[in-house]
């Protein structure tokens, strides 16, 4: 199972900083993270970037392997 690290608002809304998932694509992982957590989770997770082994998963069909490390990162403001 892939190791999923959650940061900031994603960790807060899901109540965890780390979990494991058997999702095989970025889109499936987003759906799994939102499932059962309501509209608030959907609003947060859909705005987050996913990094799979350090590479941004921009498309829903981006593959996730069982050994992957996935970071769920909220949008960052900066200047």
Protein backbone atom coordinates (compact mmCIF):
# COMPACT_ATOMS: atom_id res chain seq x y z
CA UNK A 1 0.00 0.00 0.00
CA UNK A 2 1.18 3.48 -0.80
CA UNK A 3 2.20 5.71 2.09
CA UNK A 4 0.24 9.00 2.04
CA UNK A 5 1.40 12.03 4.02
CA UNK A 6 -1.13 14.79 4.66
CA UNK A 7 -0.19 18.38 5.42
CA UNK A 8 -1.94 21.47 6.82
CA UNK A 9 -5.65 21.65 5.93
CA UNK A 10 -5.68 18.14 4.42
CA UNK A 11 -4.38 16.65 7.67
CA UNK A 12 -6.82 18.71 9.71
CA UNK A 13 -9.91 17.81 7.70
CA UNK A 14 -9.05 14.09 7.58
CA UNK A 15 -7.80 13.91 11.16
CA UNK A 16 -4.47 12.28 10.32
CA UNK A 17 -1.00 13.24 9.15
CA UNK A 18 -0.31 9.89 7.50
CA UNK A 19 -2.26 6.94 6.15
CA UNK A 20 -1.94 4.09 3.67
CA UNK A 21 -3.93 3.61 0.50
CA UNK A 22 -4.35 0.93 -2.13
CA UNK A 23 -5.46 3.49 -4.77
CA UNK A 24 -3.64 2.91 -8.06
CA UNK A 25 -4.14 6.39 -9.57
CA UNK A 26 -4.13 9.98 -8.35
CA UNK A 27 -7.85 10.31 -9.14
CA UNK A 28 -8.71 7.17 -7.18
CA UNK A 29 -6.68 8.45 -4.23
CA UNK A 30 -8.52 11.78 -4.24
CA UNK A 31 -11.85 9.93 -4.28
CA UNK A 32 -10.74 7.69 -1.41
CA UNK A 33 -9.60 10.66 0.68
CA UNK A 34 -12.91 12.46 0.18
CA UNK A 35 -15.17 9.42 0.71
CA UNK A 36 -17.06 9.63 3.97
CA UNK A 37 -15.66 13.03 4.93
CA UNK A 38 -18.24 15.28 3.29
CA UNK A 39 -18.20 18.46 1.28
CA UNK A 40 -15.53 20.14 3.39
CA UNK A 41 -13.03 17.38 2.63
CA UNK A 42 -13.87 17.56 -1.07
CA UNK A 43 -13.28 21.32 -1.10
CA UNK A 44 -9.88 20.90 0.55
CA UNK A 45 -8.63 17.78 -1.26
CA UNK A 46 -9.58 19.00 -4.75
CA UNK A 47 -7.39 22.07 -4.21
CA UNK A 48 -4.39 20.07 -3.00
CA UNK A 49 -1.47 19.02 -5.16
CA UNK A 50 -0.38 15.41 -5.09
CA UNK A 51 3.30 14.53 -5.32
CA UNK A 52 3.95 10.88 -6.09
CA UNK A 53 7.55 10.01 -5.28
CA UNK A 54 8.40 13.70 -5.66
CA UNK A 55 6.67 14.15 -9.04
CA UNK A 56 3.52 16.26 -9.33
CA UNK A 57 0.53 14.12 -10.29
CA UNK A 58 -1.30 16.65 -12.47
CA UNK A 59 -3.64 14.14 -14.12
CA UNK A 60 -6.14 11.78 -12.50
CA UNK A 61 -4.62 8.80 -14.33
CA UNK A 62 -1.15 9.37 -12.84
CA UNK A 63 -0.15 5.92 -11.48
CA UNK A 64 0.50 5.17 -7.84
CA UNK A 65 2.39 2.00 -6.97
CA UNK A 66 2.19 0.04 -3.73
CA UNK A 67 5.65 1.33 -2.78
CA UNK A 68 4.92 5.00 -3.56
CA UNK A 69 5.22 7.92 -1.18
CA UNK A 70 2.44 10.42 -1.85
CA UNK A 71 2.38 13.91 -0.37
CA UNK A 72 -0.95 15.77 -0.25
CA UNK A 73 -0.04 19.46 -0.26
CA UNK A 74 -2.44 22.39 0.07
CA UNK A 75 -1.95 25.50 -2.04
CA UNK A 76 0.78 27.69 -0.63
CA UNK A 77 0.72 31.46 -0.58
CA UNK A 78 3.99 33.23 -0.89
CA UNK A 79 5.74 36.24 -2.08
